[in-house]
Structures are given as C-alpha cells and as structure tokens.
Amino acid sequence: MSFVNDSLEHWEKLADWLNQQLDEQHLTIRGLARKAGIAHSVIAKMTNAQGPYAAKSLNAVADALNVPREIVHTLAGVLPSHG
C-alpha cells in the first residue's frame, strides 16, 4: 500500500475540507465510507487529520463526493497547490 505525504498542515487542510463536504452533502462518516467502499475508520482519521492516507483511499473519497481526484490529492499534499 502506498501512502502519501506526511505533513500535518496538509492533513489539517484535508480534514477541514472533508468535514465541510460531509456537512454540505448531508453525509455521515459511515455514509461516506459506504459510498467510497472503504472502512469508516479511514474516513474518521481523515476528518481528524490523522494521516498518512493511502492514494487509493483519497481516490475513493474523491469519487464518492463527485469531485476531481486532483482536489483531494492537492489538499492532502500529494499534488502541488496552484495559487
């Protein structure tokens, strides 16, 4: 399993964004986990900035939230930020 970026700053950015997405899309951690096909504990760690995260998990979250994978990977610090 490959893990991406171990920067707390990026984990916190991802956690803030993901918590906002959960609220906006009226999803629970377990609901997102079901949609993403991954364990709810993985989503819980993401919402609490407890990385690192597997690239596969980041992809699953992006797909479940219907957002481009690049957004999630940028927030997680895998891809450089533009701007």
N, C-alpha and C. Protein backbone atom coordinates (compact mmCIF):
# COMPACT_ATOMS: atom_id res chain seq x y z
N MET A 1 0.85 -1.17 0.00
CA MET A 1 0.00 0.00 0.00
C MET A 1 0.90 1.23 0.00
N SER A 2 0.61 2.17 -0.87
CA SER A 2 1.42 3.38 -0.90
C SER A 2 0.71 4.50 -0.15
N PHE A 3 1.47 5.17 0.69
CA PHE A 3 0.94 6.28 1.45
C PHE A 3 1.49 7.57 0.87
N VAL A 4 0.74 8.64 1.07
CA VAL A 4 1.13 9.92 0.50
C VAL A 4 1.33 10.94 1.60
N ASN A 5 2.21 11.87 1.36
CA ASN A 5 2.55 13.00 2.21
C ASN A 5 2.28 12.77 3.70
N ASP A 6 3.28 13.15 4.50
CA ASP A 6 3.12 13.02 5.94
C ASP A 6 3.17 14.39 6.62
N SER A 7 2.58 15.38 5.99
CA SER A 7 2.58 16.74 6.50
C SER A 7 1.29 17.05 7.26
N LEU A 8 1.42 17.37 8.54
CA LEU A 8 0.25 17.69 9.36
C LEU A 8 -0.53 18.87 8.78
N GLU A 9 0.17 19.84 8.22
CA GLU A 9 -0.51 21.00 7.63
C GLU A 9 -1.49 20.56 6.54
N HIS A 10 -1.05 19.67 5.68
CA HIS A 10 -1.93 19.18 4.61
C HIS A 10 -3.05 18.32 5.17
N TRP A 11 -2.75 17.50 6.16
CA TRP A 11 -3.79 16.66 6.75
C TRP A 11 -4.89 17.53 7.35
N GLU A 12 -4.49 18.64 7.97
CA GLU A 12 -5.48 19.55 8.57
C GLU A 12 -6.32 20.23 7.50
N LYS A 13 -5.70 20.61 6.39
CA LYS A 13 -6.46 21.22 5.28
C LYS A 13 -7.48 20.23 4.73
N LEU A 14 -7.03 19.00 4.53
CA LEU A 14 -7.93 17.97 4.03
C LEU A 14 -9.06 17.72 5.03
N ALA A 15 -8.74 17.65 6.32
CA ALA A 15 -9.75 17.40 7.35
C ALA A 15 -10.80 18.51 7.35
N ASP A 16 -10.37 19.76 7.29
CA ASP A 16 -11.31 20.88 7.27
C ASP A 16 -12.23 20.80 6.06
N TRP A 17 -11.63 20.56 4.90
CA TRP A 17 -12.40 20.47 3.66
C TRP A 17 -13.38 19.30 3.70
N LEU A 18 -12.90 18.15 4.16
CA LEU A 18 -13.73 16.95 4.18
C LEU A 18 -14.91 17.13 5.15
N ASN A 19 -14.65 17.72 6.31
CA ASN A 19 -15.75 17.97 7.25
C ASN A 19 -16.78 18.91 6.64
N GLN A 20 -16.32 19.89 5.88
CA GLN A 20 -17.24 20.81 5.19
C GLN A 20 -18.06 20.05 4.15
N GLN A 21 -17.40 19.17 3.40
CA GLN A 21 -18.10 18.38 2.39
C GLN A 21 -19.16 17.48 3.02
N LEU A 22 -18.81 16.86 4.13
CA LEU A 22 -19.78 16.00 4.82
C LEU A 22 -21.01 16.80 5.21
N ASP A 23 -20.78 18.00 5.73
CA ASP A 23 -21.88 18.85 6.14
C ASP A 23 -22.72 19.29 4.94
N GLU A 24 -22.05 19.76 3.89
CA GLU A 24 -22.76 20.26 2.71
C GLU A 24 -23.54 19.16 1.99
N GLN A 25 -22.98 17.95 1.98
CA GLN A 25 -23.63 16.85 1.28
C GLN A 25 -24.50 15.99 2.20
N HIS A 26 -24.66 16.45 3.44
CA HIS A 26 -25.51 15.78 4.42
C HIS A 26 -25.14 14.30 4.57
N LEU A 27 -23.84 14.08 4.73
CA LEU A 27 -23.32 12.72 4.90
C LEU A 27 -22.70 12.55 6.28
N THR A 28 -22.77 11.35 6.77
CA THR A 28 -22.05 10.98 7.99
C THR A 28 -20.73 10.33 7.56
N ILE A 29 -19.87 10.12 8.52
CA ILE A 29 -18.62 9.41 8.24
C ILE A 29 -18.93 8.02 7.70
N ARG A 30 -19.85 7.34 8.34
CA ARG A 30 -20.22 5.98 7.87
C ARG A 30 -20.88 6.02 6.50
N GLY A 31 -21.69 7.05 6.25
CA GLY A 31 -22.33 7.17 4.94
C GLY A 31 -21.32 7.38 3.83
N LEU A 32 -20.34 8.24 4.08
CA LEU A 32 -19.29 8.45 3.08
C LEU A 32 -18.46 7.18 2.90
N ALA A 33 -18.18 6.51 4.00
CA ALA A 33 -17.41 5.27 3.91
C ALA A 33 -18.12 4.24 3.03
N ARG A 34 -19.44 4.13 3.21
CA ARG A 34 -20.21 3.20 2.37
C ARG A 34 -20.12 3.60 0.90
N LYS A 35 -20.33 4.90 0.62
CA LYS A 35 -20.27 5.37 -0.76
C LYS A 35 -18.88 5.16 -1.37
N ALA A 36 -17.84 5.32 -0.56
CA ALA A 36 -16.47 5.20 -1.04
C ALA A 36 -15.99 3.76 -1.06
N GLY A 37 -16.68 2.89 -0.36
CA GLY A 37 -16.26 1.48 -0.31
C GLY A 37 -15.02 1.26 0.53
N ILE A 38 -14.83 2.10 1.55
CA ILE A 38 -13.68 1.94 2.45
C ILE A 38 -14.18 1.96 3.89
N ALA A 39 -13.32 1.55 4.81
CA ALA A 39 -13.69 1.47 6.22
C ALA A 39 -13.98 2.85 6.79
N HIS A 40 -14.99 2.91 7.66
CA HIS A 40 -15.34 4.19 8.26
C HIS A 40 -14.19 4.75 9.09
N SER A 41 -13.34 3.87 9.61
CA SER A 41 -12.20 4.33 10.41
C SER A 41 -11.22 5.15 9.57
N VAL A 42 -11.13 4.85 8.28
CA VAL A 42 -10.26 5.62 7.38
C VAL A 42 -10.81 7.03 7.21
N ILE A 43 -12.13 7.14 7.02
CA ILE A 43 -12.75 8.46 6.89
C ILE A 43 -12.61 9.22 8.21
N ALA A 44 -12.82 8.55 9.32
CA ALA A 44 -12.68 9.20 10.62
C ALA A 44 -11.27 9.76 10.81
N LYS A 45 -10.27 9.01 10.40
CA LYS A 45 -8.89 9.51 10.51
C LYS A 45 -8.69 10.72 9.62
N MET A 46 -9.27 10.70 8.44
CA MET A 46 -9.14 11.85 7.54
C MET A 46 -9.81 13.09 8.13
N THR A 47 -10.98 12.92 8.74
CA THR A 47 -11.69 14.08 9.29
C THR A 47 -11.03 14.60 10.55
N ASN A 48 -10.12 13.83 11.12
CA ASN A 48 -9.40 14.25 12.33
C ASN A 48 -7.92 14.50 12.07
N ALA A 49 -7.54 14.62 10.80
CA ALA A 49 -6.16 14.93 10.40
C ALA A 49 -5.15 13.93 10.96
N GLN A 50 -5.51 12.65 10.89
CA GLN A 50 -4.64 11.60 11.39
C GLN A 50 -4.12 10.75 10.23
N GLY A 51 -3.21 11.34 9.44
CA GLY A 51 -2.64 10.65 8.29
C GLY A 51 -1.51 9.75 8.69
N PRO A 52 -0.82 9.18 7.74
CA PRO A 52 -0.93 9.37 6.30
C PRO A 52 -2.08 8.57 5.70
N TYR A 53 -2.39 8.90 4.46
CA TYR A 53 -3.51 8.27 3.76
C TYR A 53 -3.02 7.57 2.51
N ALA A 54 -3.63 6.44 2.23
CA ALA A 54 -3.31 5.72 1.00
C ALA A 54 -3.92 6.45 -0.19
N ALA A 55 -3.21 6.48 -1.29
CA ALA A 55 -3.70 7.12 -2.51
C ALA A 55 -5.04 6.50 -2.92
N LYS A 56 -5.18 5.21 -2.74
CA LYS A 56 -6.43 4.52 -3.08
C LYS A 56 -7.60 5.07 -2.27
N SER A 57 -7.38 5.37 -1.00
CA SER A 57 -8.42 5.93 -0.14
C SER A 57 -8.78 7.35 -0.58
N LEU A 58 -7.78 8.16 -0.92
CA LEU A 58 -8.05 9.51 -1.40
C LEU A 58 -8.87 9.48 -2.68
N ASN A 59 -8.54 8.56 -3.58
CA ASN A 59 -9.30 8.42 -4.82
C ASN A 59 -10.75 8.02 -4.53
N ALA A 60 -10.93 7.09 -3.61
CA ALA A 60 -12.28 6.61 -3.28
C ALA A 60 -13.13 7.74 -2.70
N VAL A 61 -12.53 8.58 -1.85
CA VAL A 61 -13.26 9.70 -1.26
C VAL A 61 -13.64 10.70 -2.35
N ALA A 62 -12.70 11.03 -3.20
CA ALA A 62 -12.99 11.98 -4.29
C ALA A 62 -14.13 11.46 -5.17
N ASP A 63 -14.05 10.21 -5.54
CA ASP A 63 -15.08 9.63 -6.40
C ASP A 63 -16.44 9.62 -5.70
N ALA A 64 -16.46 9.28 -4.42
CA ALA A 64 -17.72 9.22 -3.68
C ALA A 64 -18.35 10.61 -3.52
N LEU A 65 -17.50 11.64 -3.43
CA LEU A 65 -18.01 13.01 -3.28
C LEU A 65 -18.23 13.69 -4.63
N ASN A 66 -17.92 12.98 -5.70
CA ASN A 66 -18.07 13.53 -7.06
C ASN A 66 -17.27 14.80 -7.27
N VAL A 67 -16.03 14.77 -6.79
CA VAL A 67 -15.10 15.88 -7.02
C VAL A 67 -13.88 15.33 -7.74
N PRO A 68 -13.18 16.17 -8.50
CA PRO A 68 -11.97 15.69 -9.17
C PRO A 68 -10.94 15.17 -8.15
N ARG A 69 -10.33 14.08 -8.48
CA ARG A 69 -9.31 13.50 -7.60
C ARG A 69 -8.20 14.50 -7.31
N GLU A 70 -7.90 15.36 -8.27
CA GLU A 70 -6.82 16.33 -8.11
C GLU A 70 -7.06 17.25 -6.90
N ILE A 71 -8.32 17.57 -6.64
CA ILE A 71 -8.64 18.43 -5.50
C ILE A 71 -8.23 17.75 -4.20
N VAL A 72 -8.63 16.52 -4.05
CA VAL A 72 -8.33 15.78 -2.82
C VAL A 72 -6.82 15.55 -2.70
N HIS A 73 -6.17 15.22 -3.78
CA HIS A 73 -4.72 14.98 -3.74
C HIS A 73 -3.95 16.27 -3.45
N THR A 74 -4.44 17.40 -3.94
CA THR A 74 -3.79 18.68 -3.65
C THR A 74 -3.96 19.01 -2.17
N LEU A 75 -5.16 18.86 -1.64
CA LEU A 75 -5.39 19.11 -0.22
C LEU A 75 -4.54 18.21 0.66
N ALA A 76 -4.35 16.97 0.24
CA ALA A 76 -3.56 16.02 1.01
C ALA A 76 -2.06 16.26 0.86
N GLY A 77 -1.68 17.17 -0.06
CA GLY A 77 -0.28 17.49 -0.25
C GLY A 77 0.45 16.61 -1.25
N VAL A 78 -0.31 15.81 -1.97
CA VAL A 78 0.30 14.91 -2.96
C VAL A 78 0.66 15.70 -4.22
N LEU A 79 -0.24 16.59 -4.62
CA LEU A 79 -0.01 17.43 -5.79
C LEU A 79 0.25 18.85 -5.31
N PRO A 80 1.06 19.61 -6.04
CA PRO A 80 1.32 21.00 -5.64
C PRO A 80 0.07 21.87 -5.78
N SER A 81 -0.01 22.85 -4.92
CA SER A 81 -1.11 23.80 -4.95
C SER A 81 -0.84 24.84 -6.03
N HIS A 82 -1.89 25.22 -6.75
CA HIS A 82 -1.77 26.23 -7.81
C HIS A 82 -2.43 27.51 -7.34
N GLY A 83 -1.66 28.40 -6.76
CA GLY A 83 -2.22 29.67 -6.35
C GLY A 83 -2.09 29.83 -4.91
